[in-house]
Each structure stands twice: as C-alpha cells, then as structure tokens.
Amino acid sequence: MPATKIRIVRDPGPGQPFTTTHVVCVEPLAALRSYGFDARFTGFSHVTGREELKRFPMIRGFLGPLWDGDAVRYEDAAVAAVLSR
C-alpha cells in the first residue's frame, strides 16, 4: 500500500490563522493517533465510491475524510464554515 498525504486543518481561535498538520503515512489510523487525534475506524467513511478515501477513519471533532486533489483532508467545523461561504 503506498504512502498517502493527509492534511488536518484547524482553526485555533479568533484572529489566528488556520493551522495545518501534514502527515505522510501508510497506515492512516495509527499515524493519526500518533499525532494525538482521536481517530476511530467505524467502517468505510465514505459511501461516494471514491477509492482514495475508503481506508481512512473518521476523526472525532473533524469533518472528513475529504479528497483534496493530492491528499486526504480533515477540517474542523470552524474551518468548514469559512471555506464553504
């Protein structure tokens, strides 16, 4: 299984820029946990059929996994609200 890029985008609070954690891994669940994220595999996270996302877990407090062109992205609700305007 090839390594995959993951981006986790968070809003640290008012007046602060978004923070992005970049992870390159082969086993996403273990990698996300090693960075301190509450990652849990609850089955296939996407039913859209996008093959790139099928092995990625949900992370408590984040939306995703989302396809970001060259990486898998997770974002918190505050980031999603800004990006979807």
PDB file of N, CA and C in Angstrom:
ATOM      1  N   MET A   1       0.848  -1.177   0.000  1.00  0.00           N
ATOM      2  CA  MET A   1       0.000   0.000   0.000  1.00  0.00           C
ATOM      3  C   MET A   1       0.898   1.246   0.000  1.00  0.00           C
ATOM      4  N   PRO A   2       0.696   2.181  -0.912  1.00  0.00           N
ATOM      5  CA  PRO A   2       1.556   3.370  -0.991  1.00  0.00           C
ATOM      6  C   PRO A   2       1.272   4.349   0.151  1.00  0.00           C
ATOM      7  N   ALA A   3       2.258   5.179   0.436  1.00  0.00           N
ATOM      8  CA  ALA A   3       2.087   6.232   1.438  1.00  0.00           C
ATOM      9  C   ALA A   3       1.103   7.268   0.909  1.00  0.00           C
ATOM     10  N   THR A   4       0.371   7.873   1.819  1.00  0.00           N
ATOM     11  CA  THR A   4      -0.645   8.852   1.465  1.00  0.00           C
ATOM     12  C   THR A   4      -0.431  10.128   2.263  1.00  0.00           C
ATOM     13  N   LYS A   5      -0.667  11.275   1.632  1.00  0.00           N
ATOM     14  CA  LYS A   5      -0.599  12.554   2.334  1.00  0.00           C
ATOM     15  C   LYS A   5      -1.949  12.845   2.987  1.00  0.00           C
ATOM     16  N   ILE A   6      -1.889  13.309   4.225  1.00  0.00           N
ATOM     17  CA  ILE A   6      -3.088  13.724   4.952  1.00  0.00           C
ATOM     18  C   ILE A   6      -2.867  15.155   5.423  1.00  0.00           C
ATOM     19  N   ARG A   7      -3.889  16.000   5.279  1.00  0.00           N
ATOM     20  CA  ARG A   7      -3.862  17.362   5.807  1.00  0.00           C
ATOM     21  C   ARG A   7      -4.974  17.490   6.838  1.00  0.00           C
ATOM     22  N   ILE A   8      -4.638  18.014   8.001  1.00  0.00           N
ATOM     23  CA  ILE A   8      -5.638  18.260   9.033  1.00  0.00           C
ATOM     24  C   ILE A   8      -5.615  19.755   9.310  1.00  0.00           C
ATOM     25  N   VAL A   9      -6.730  20.428   9.018  1.00  0.00           N
ATOM     26  CA  VAL A   9      -6.800  21.884   9.099  1.00  0.00           C
ATOM     27  C   VAL A   9      -7.675  22.265  10.281  1.00  0.00           C
ATOM     28  N   ARG A  10      -7.131  23.137  11.150  1.00  0.00           N
ATOM     29  CA  ARG A  10      -7.852  23.559  12.352  1.00  0.00           C
ATOM     30  C   ARG A  10      -7.869  25.068  12.472  1.00  0.00           C
ATOM     31  N   ASP A  11      -8.889  25.572  13.135  1.00  0.00           N
ATOM     32  CA  ASP A  11      -8.997  26.986  13.467  1.00  0.00           C
ATOM     33  C   ASP A  11      -8.643  27.129  14.943  1.00  0.00           C
ATOM     34  N   PRO A  12      -7.478  27.727  15.271  1.00  0.00           N
ATOM     35  CA  PRO A  12      -7.063  27.822  16.665  1.00  0.00           C
ATOM     36  C   PRO A  12      -7.818  28.871  17.474  1.00  0.00           C
ATOM     37  N   GLY A  13      -8.562  29.731  16.806  1.00  0.00           N
ATOM     38  CA  GLY A  13      -9.340  30.724  17.536  1.00  0.00           C
ATOM     39  C   GLY A  13      -9.360  32.060  16.837  1.00  0.00           C
ATOM     40  N   PRO A  14     -10.133  32.994  17.391  1.00  0.00           N
ATOM     41  CA  PRO A  14     -10.295  34.312  16.769  1.00  0.00           C
ATOM     42  C   PRO A  14      -8.956  35.019  16.534  1.00  0.00           C
ATOM     43  N   GLY A  15      -8.818  35.552  15.339  1.00  0.00           N
ATOM     44  CA  GLY A  15      -7.643  36.330  14.989  1.00  0.00           C
ATOM     45  C   GLY A  15      -6.399  35.520  14.667  1.00  0.00           C
ATOM     46  N   GLN A  16      -6.485  34.209  14.735  1.00  0.00           N
ATOM     47  CA  GLN A  16      -5.337  33.350  14.455  1.00  0.00           C
ATOM     48  C   GLN A  16      -5.516  32.681  13.091  1.00  0.00           C
ATOM     49  N   PRO A  17      -4.438  32.472  12.351  1.00  0.00           N
ATOM     50  CA  PRO A  17      -4.566  31.767  11.060  1.00  0.00           C
ATOM     51  C   PRO A  17      -4.842  30.279  11.286  1.00  0.00           C
ATOM     52  N   PHE A  18      -5.445  29.667  10.301  1.00  0.00           N
ATOM     53  CA  PHE A  18      -5.672  28.227  10.362  1.00  0.00           C
ATOM     54  C   PHE A  18      -4.331  27.509  10.532  1.00  0.00           C
ATOM     55  N   THR A  19      -4.330  26.402  11.237  1.00  0.00           N
ATOM     56  CA  THR A  19      -3.132  25.584  11.348  1.00  0.00           C
ATOM     57  C   THR A  19      -3.346  24.306  10.549  1.00  0.00           C
ATOM     58  N   THR A  20      -2.295  23.834   9.931  1.00  0.00           N
ATOM     59  CA  THR A  20      -2.372  22.619   9.124  1.00  0.00           C
ATOM     60  C   THR A  20      -1.302  21.643   9.594  1.00  0.00           C
ATOM     61  N   THR A  21      -1.729  20.422   9.875  1.00  0.00           N
ATOM     62  CA  THR A  21      -0.811  19.341  10.197  1.00  0.00           C
ATOM     63  C   THR A  21      -0.707  18.465   8.959  1.00  0.00           C
ATOM     64  N   HIS A  22       0.505  18.215   8.508  1.00  0.00           N
ATOM     65  CA  HIS A  22       0.732  17.355   7.346  1.00  0.00           C
ATOM     66  C   HIS A  22       1.288  16.024   7.836  1.00  0.00           C
ATOM     67  N   VAL A  23       0.690  14.940   7.381  1.00  0.00           N
ATOM     68  CA  VAL A  23       1.111  13.594   7.754  1.00  0.00           C
ATOM     69  C   VAL A  23       1.272  12.796   6.469  1.00  0.00           C
ATOM     70  N   VAL A  24       2.377  12.092   6.321  1.00  0.00           N
ATOM     71  CA  VAL A  24       2.551  11.148   5.217  1.00  0.00           C
ATOM     72  C   VAL A  24       2.662   9.777   5.863  1.00  0.00           C
ATOM     73  N   CYS A  25       1.791   8.868   5.473  1.00  0.00           N
ATOM     74  CA  CYS A  25       1.749   7.588   6.168  1.00  0.00           C
ATOM     75  C   CYS A  25       1.270   6.469   5.249  1.00  0.00           C
ATOM     76  N   VAL A  26       1.488   5.262   5.705  1.00  0.00           N
ATOM     77  CA  VAL A  26       0.963   4.079   5.034  1.00  0.00           C
ATOM     78  C   VAL A  26      -0.285   3.602   5.771  1.00  0.00           C
ATOM     79  N   GLU A  27      -0.266   3.666   7.099  1.00  0.00           N
ATOM     80  CA  GLU A  27      -1.387   3.220   7.920  1.00  0.00           C
ATOM     81  C   GLU A  27      -2.011   4.445   8.595  1.00  0.00           C
ATOM     82  N   PRO A  28      -3.085   4.993   8.016  1.00  0.00           N
ATOM     83  CA  PRO A  28      -3.630   6.268   8.490  1.00  0.00           C
ATOM     84  C   PRO A  28      -4.114   6.263   9.939  1.00  0.00           C
ATOM     85  N   LEU A  29      -4.768   5.221  10.374  1.00  0.00           N
ATOM     86  CA  LEU A  29      -5.327   5.201  11.724  1.00  0.00           C
ATOM     87  C   LEU A  29      -4.218   5.330  12.769  1.00  0.00           C
ATOM     88  N   ALA A  30      -3.182   4.528  12.658  1.00  0.00           N
ATOM     89  CA  ALA A  30      -2.066   4.586  13.605  1.00  0.00           C
ATOM     90  C   ALA A  30      -1.334   5.924  13.520  1.00  0.00           C
ATOM     91  N   ALA A  31      -1.147   6.436  12.318  1.00  0.00           N
ATOM     92  CA  ALA A  31      -0.446   7.708  12.152  1.00  0.00           C
ATOM     93  C   ALA A  31      -1.218   8.850  12.798  1.00  0.00           C
ATOM     94  N   LEU A  32      -2.521   8.908  12.569  1.00  0.00           N
ATOM     95  CA  LEU A  32      -3.328   9.978  13.148  1.00  0.00           C
ATOM     96  C   LEU A  32      -3.331   9.887  14.672  1.00  0.00           C
ATOM     97  N   ARG A  33      -3.413   8.692  15.196  1.00  0.00           N
ATOM     98  CA  ARG A  33      -3.356   8.519  16.664  1.00  0.00           C
ATOM     99  C   ARG A  33      -2.010   8.973  17.213  1.00  0.00           C
ATOM    100  N   SER A  34      -0.926   8.703  16.494  1.00  0.00           N
ATOM    101  CA  SER A  34       0.398   9.096  16.973  1.00  0.00           C
ATOM    102  C   SER A  34       0.550  10.612  17.041  1.00  0.00           C
ATOM    103  N   TYR A  35      -0.253  11.347  16.276  1.00  0.00           N
ATOM    104  CA  TYR A  35      -0.263  12.809  16.326  1.00  0.00           C
ATOM    105  C   TYR A  35      -1.257  13.329  17.364  1.00  0.00           C
ATOM    106  N   GLY A  36      -1.906  12.426  18.083  1.00  0.00           N
ATOM    107  CA  GLY A  36      -2.799  12.835  19.156  1.00  0.00           C
ATOM    108  C   GLY A  36      -4.249  13.019  18.759  1.00  0.00           C
ATOM    109  N   PHE A  37      -4.630  12.628  17.546  1.00  0.00           N
ATOM    110  CA  PHE A  37      -6.015  12.767  17.111  1.00  0.00           C
ATOM    111  C   PHE A  37      -6.835  11.560  17.563  1.00  0.00           C
ATOM    112  N   ASP A  38      -8.090  11.791  17.897  1.00  0.00           N
ATOM    113  CA  ASP A  38      -8.994  10.725  18.317  1.00  0.00           C
ATOM    114  C   ASP A  38      -9.573  10.078  17.061  1.00  0.00           C
ATOM    115  N   ALA A  39      -8.765   9.267  16.401  1.00  0.00           N
ATOM    116  CA  ALA A  39      -9.155   8.632  15.143  1.00  0.00           C
ATOM    117  C   ALA A  39      -9.750   7.265  15.426  1.00  0.00           C
ATOM    118  N   ARG A  40     -10.911   7.001  14.873  1.00  0.00           N
ATOM    119  CA  ARG A  40     -11.592   5.720  15.076  1.00  0.00           C
ATOM    120  C   ARG A  40     -12.111   5.220  13.747  1.00  0.00           C
ATOM    121  N   PHE A  41     -11.835   3.989  13.450  1.00  0.00           N
ATOM    122  CA  PHE A  41     -12.376   3.409  12.225  1.00  0.00           C
ATOM    123  C   PHE A  41     -13.743   2.839  12.544  1.00  0.00           C
ATOM    124  N   THR A  42     -14.752   3.327  11.845  1.00  0.00           N
ATOM    125  CA  THR A  42     -16.125   2.885  12.089  1.00  0.00           C
ATOM    126  C   THR A  42     -16.726   2.266  10.839  1.00  0.00           C
ATOM    127  N   GLY A  43     -15.872   1.714  10.006  1.00  0.00           N
ATOM    128  CA  GLY A  43     -16.323   1.206   8.725  1.00  0.00           C
ATOM    129  C   GLY A  43     -15.866   2.165   7.647  1.00  0.00           C
ATOM    130  N   PHE A  44     -16.335   1.955   6.459  1.00  0.00           N
ATOM    131  CA  PHE A  44     -15.948   2.866   5.381  1.00  0.00           C
ATOM    132  C   PHE A  44     -16.512   4.238   5.660  1.00  0.00           C
ATOM    133  N   SER A  45     -15.628   5.235   5.607  1.00  0.00           N
ATOM    134  CA  SER A  45     -16.028   6.583   5.987  1.00  0.00           C
ATOM    135  C   SER A  45     -16.759   7.312   4.870  1.00  0.00           C
ATOM    136  N   HIS A  46     -16.654   6.842   3.667  1.00  0.00           N
ATOM    137  CA  HIS A  46     -17.338   7.488   2.543  1.00  0.00           C
ATOM    138  C   HIS A  46     -18.092   6.449   1.740  1.00  0.00           C
ATOM    139  N   VAL A  47     -19.269   6.769   1.372  1.00  0.00           N
ATOM    140  CA  VAL A  47     -20.038   5.868   0.516  1.00  0.00           C
ATOM    141  C   VAL A  47     -20.108   6.405  -0.904  1.00  0.00           C
ATOM    142  N   THR A  48     -19.327   7.437  -1.186  1.00  0.00           N
ATOM    143  CA  THR A  48     -19.336   8.043  -2.506  1.00  0.00           C
ATOM    144  C   THR A  48     -18.683   7.156  -3.547  1.00  0.00           C
ATOM    145  N   GLY A  49     -17.922   6.164  -3.073  1.00  0.00           N
ATOM    146  CA  GLY A  49     -17.237   5.291  -4.007  1.00  0.00           C
ATOM    147  C   GLY A  49     -15.847   5.758  -4.372  1.00  0.00           C
ATOM    148  N   ARG A  50     -15.407   6.902  -3.828  1.00  0.00           N
ATOM    149  CA  ARG A  50     -14.062   7.371  -4.145  1.00  0.00           C
ATOM    150  C   ARG A  50     -13.054   6.441  -3.482  1.00  0.00           C
ATOM    151  N   GLU A  51     -12.329   5.735  -4.285  1.00  0.00           N
ATOM    152  CA  GLU A  51     -11.413   4.703  -3.809  1.00  0.00           C
ATOM    153  C   GLU A  51     -10.349   5.263  -2.859  1.00  0.00           C
ATOM    154  N   GLU A  52      -9.883   6.485  -3.110  1.00  0.00           N
ATOM    155  CA  GLU A  52      -8.820   7.085  -2.308  1.00  0.00           C
ATOM    156  C   GLU A  52      -9.203   7.258  -0.841  1.00  0.00           C
ATOM    157  N   LEU A  53     -10.496   7.314  -0.542  1.00  0.00           N
ATOM    158  CA  LEU A  53     -10.944   7.622   0.823  1.00  0.00           C
ATOM    159  C   LEU A  53     -11.378   6.403   1.623  1.00  0.00           C
ATOM    160  N   LYS A  54     -11.490   5.271   1.004  1.00  0.00           N
ATOM    161  CA  LYS A  54     -12.120   4.126   1.658  1.00  0.00           C
ATOM    162  C   LYS A  54     -11.389   3.587   2.883  1.00  0.00           C
ATOM    163  N   ARG A  55     -10.098   3.781   2.999  1.00  0.00           N
ATOM    164  CA  ARG A  55      -9.386   3.228   4.154  1.00  0.00           C
ATOM    165  C   ARG A  55      -9.125   4.253   5.248  1.00  0.00           C
ATOM    166  N   PHE A  56      -9.735   5.431   5.137  1.00  0.00           N
ATOM    167  CA  PHE A  56      -9.470   6.490   6.097  1.00  0.00           C
ATOM    168  C   PHE A  56     -10.547   6.575   7.167  1.00  0.00           C
ATOM    169  N   PRO A  57     -10.123   6.755   8.425  1.00  0.00           N
ATOM    170  CA  PRO A  57     -11.067   6.786   9.545  1.00  0.00           C
ATOM    171  C   PRO A  57     -11.708   8.147   9.720  1.00  0.00           C
ATOM    172  N   MET A  58     -12.758   8.160  10.503  1.00  0.00           N
ATOM    173  CA  MET A  58     -13.343   9.411  10.967  1.00  0.00           C
ATOM    174  C   MET A  58     -12.473   9.883  12.134  1.00  0.00           C
ATOM    175  N   ILE A  59     -12.388  11.187  12.352  1.00  0.00           N
ATOM    176  CA  ILE A  59     -11.666  11.738  13.495  1.00  0.00           C
ATOM    177  C   ILE A  59     -12.662  12.558  14.302  1.00  0.00           C
ATOM    178  N   ARG A  60     -12.772  12.255  15.575  1.00  0.00           N
ATOM    179  CA  ARG A  60     -13.714  12.979  16.431  1.00  0.00           C
ATOM    180  C   ARG A  60     -13.419  14.474  16.377  1.00  0.00           C
ATOM    181  N   GLY A  61     -14.462  15.270  16.110  1.00  0.00           N
ATOM    182  CA  GLY A  61     -14.330  16.720  16.062  1.00  0.00           C
ATOM    183  C   GLY A  61     -13.942  17.284  14.705  1.00  0.00           C
ATOM    184  N   PHE A  62     -13.817  16.425  13.701  1.00  0.00           N
ATOM    185  CA  PHE A  62     -13.411  16.883  12.375  1.00  0.00           C
ATOM    186  C   PHE A  62     -14.366  16.364  11.305  1.00  0.00           C
ATOM    187  N   LEU A  63     -14.494  17.122  10.228  1.00  0.00           N
ATOM    188  CA  LEU A  63     -15.232  16.680   9.050  1.00  0.00           C
ATOM    189  C   LEU A  63     -14.236  15.982   8.132  1.00  0.00           C
ATOM    190  N   GLY A  64     -14.681  14.967   7.476  1.00  0.00           N
ATOM    191  CA  GLY A  64     -13.800  14.254   6.567  1.00  0.00           C
ATOM    192  C   GLY A  64     -13.837  12.772   6.850  1.00  0.00           C
ATOM    193  N   PRO A  65     -13.107  12.060   6.061  1.00  0.00           N
ATOM    194  CA  PRO A  65     -12.081  12.466   5.120  1.00  0.00           C
ATOM    195  C   PRO A  65     -12.666  13.069   3.835  1.00  0.00           C
ATOM    196  N   LEU A  66     -11.951  14.043   3.305  1.00  0.00           N
ATOM    197  CA  LEU A  66     -12.332  14.736   2.076  1.00  0.00           C
ATOM    198  C   LEU A  66     -11.171  14.620   1.089  1.00  0.00           C
ATOM    199  N   TRP A  67     -11.471  14.523  -0.183  1.00  0.00           N
ATOM    200  CA  TRP A  67     -10.410  14.458  -1.181  1.00  0.00           C
ATOM    201  C   TRP A  67      -9.953  15.867  -1.488  1.00  0.00           C
ATOM    202  N   ASP A  68      -8.629  16.098  -1.457  1.00  0.00           N
ATOM    203  CA  ASP A  68      -8.061  17.431  -1.627  1.00  0.00           C
ATOM    204  C   ASP A  68      -7.149  17.500  -2.845  1.00  0.00           C
ATOM    205  N   GLY A  69      -7.393  16.652  -3.825  1.00  0.00           N
ATOM    206  CA  GLY A  69      -6.612  16.675  -5.054  1.00  0.00           C
ATOM    207  C   GLY A  69      -5.354  15.837  -4.999  1.00  0.00           C
ATOM    208  N   ASP A  70      -4.497  16.119  -4.019  1.00  0.00           N
ATOM    209  CA  ASP A  70      -3.269  15.335  -3.867  1.00  0.00           C
ATOM    210  C   ASP A  70      -3.113  14.782  -2.458  1.00  0.00           C
ATOM    211  N   ALA A  71      -4.140  14.956  -1.636  1.00  0.00           N
ATOM    212  CA  ALA A  71      -4.078  14.498  -0.249  1.00  0.00           C
ATOM    213  C   ALA A  71      -5.491  14.269   0.270  1.00  0.00           C
ATOM    214  N   VAL A  72      -5.564  13.609   1.406  1.00  0.00           N
ATOM    215  CA  VAL A  72      -6.826  13.439   2.115  1.00  0.00           C
ATOM    216  C   VAL A  72      -6.878  14.537   3.169  1.00  0.00           C
ATOM    217  N   ARG A  73      -8.004  15.242   3.265  1.00  0.00           N
ATOM    218  CA  ARG A  73      -8.107  16.380   4.172  1.00  0.00           C
ATOM    219  C   ARG A  73      -9.178  16.140   5.221  1.00  0.00           C
ATOM    220  N   TYR A  74      -8.885  16.580   6.439  1.00  0.00           N
ATOM    221  CA  TYR A  74      -9.861  16.667   7.516  1.00  0.00           C
ATOM    222  C   TYR A  74      -9.882  18.130   7.944  1.00  0.00           C
ATOM    223  N   GLU A  75     -11.032  18.635   8.335  1.00  0.00           N
ATOM    224  CA  GLU A  75     -11.100  20.023   8.802  1.00  0.00           C
ATOM    225  C   GLU A  75     -12.107  20.119   9.941  1.00  0.00           C
ATOM    226  N   ASP A  76     -11.857  21.068  10.849  1.00  0.00           N
ATOM    227  CA  ASP A  76     -12.806  21.232  11.937  1.00  0.00           C
ATOM    228  C   ASP A  76     -13.991  22.071  11.459  1.00  0.00           C
ATOM    229  N   ALA A  77     -15.018  22.169  12.272  1.00  0.00           N
ATOM    230  CA  ALA A  77     -16.260  22.834  11.857  1.00  0.00           C
ATOM    231  C   ALA A  77     -16.050  24.307  11.545  1.00  0.00           C
ATOM    232  N   ALA A  78     -15.172  24.978  12.283  1.00  0.00           N
ATOM    233  CA  ALA A  78     -14.920  26.401  12.041  1.00  0.00           C
ATOM    234  C   ALA A  78     -14.270  26.620  10.674  1.00  0.00           C
ATOM    235  N   VAL A  79     -13.324  25.778  10.321  1.00  0.00           N
ATOM    236  CA  VAL A  79     -12.687  25.866   9.005  1.00  0.00           C
ATOM    237  C   VAL A  79     -13.703  25.576   7.912  1.00  0.00           C
ATOM    238  N   ALA A  80     -14.506  24.542   8.094  1.00  0.00           N
ATOM    239  CA  ALA A  80     -15.521  24.193   7.102  1.00  0.00           C
ATOM    240  C   ALA A  80     -16.493  25.347   6.883  1.00  0.00           C
ATOM    241  N   ALA A  81     -16.882  26.028   7.949  1.00  0.00           N
ATOM    242  CA  ALA A  81     -17.817  27.152   7.828  1.00  0.00           C
ATOM    243  C   ALA A  81     -17.214  28.277   6.992  1.00  0.00           C
ATOM    244  N   VAL A  82     -15.936  28.577   7.192  1.00  0.00           N
ATOM    245  CA  VAL A  82     -15.265  29.639   6.427  1.00  0.00           C
ATOM    246  C   VAL A  82     -15.090  29.219   4.971  1.00  0.00           C
ATOM    247  N   LEU A  83     -14.636  27.988   4.751  1.00  0.00           N
ATOM    248  CA  LEU A  83     -14.351  27.543   3.387  1.00  0.00           C
ATOM    249  C   LEU A  83     -15.614  27.326   2.547  1.00  0.00           C
ATOM    250  N   SER A  84     -16.746  27.139   3.194  1.00  0.00           N
ATOM    251  CA  SER A  84     -17.966  26.870   2.431  1.00  0.00           C
ATOM    252  C   SER A  84     -18.803  28.137   2.190  1.00  0.00           C
ATOM    253  N   ARG A  85     -18.296  29.287   2.565  1.00  0.00           N
ATOM    254  CA  ARG A  85     -19.040  30.535   2.322  1.00  0.00           C
ATOM    255  C   ARG A  85     -19.076  30.874   0.862  1.00  0.00           C
TER     256      ARG A  85
END
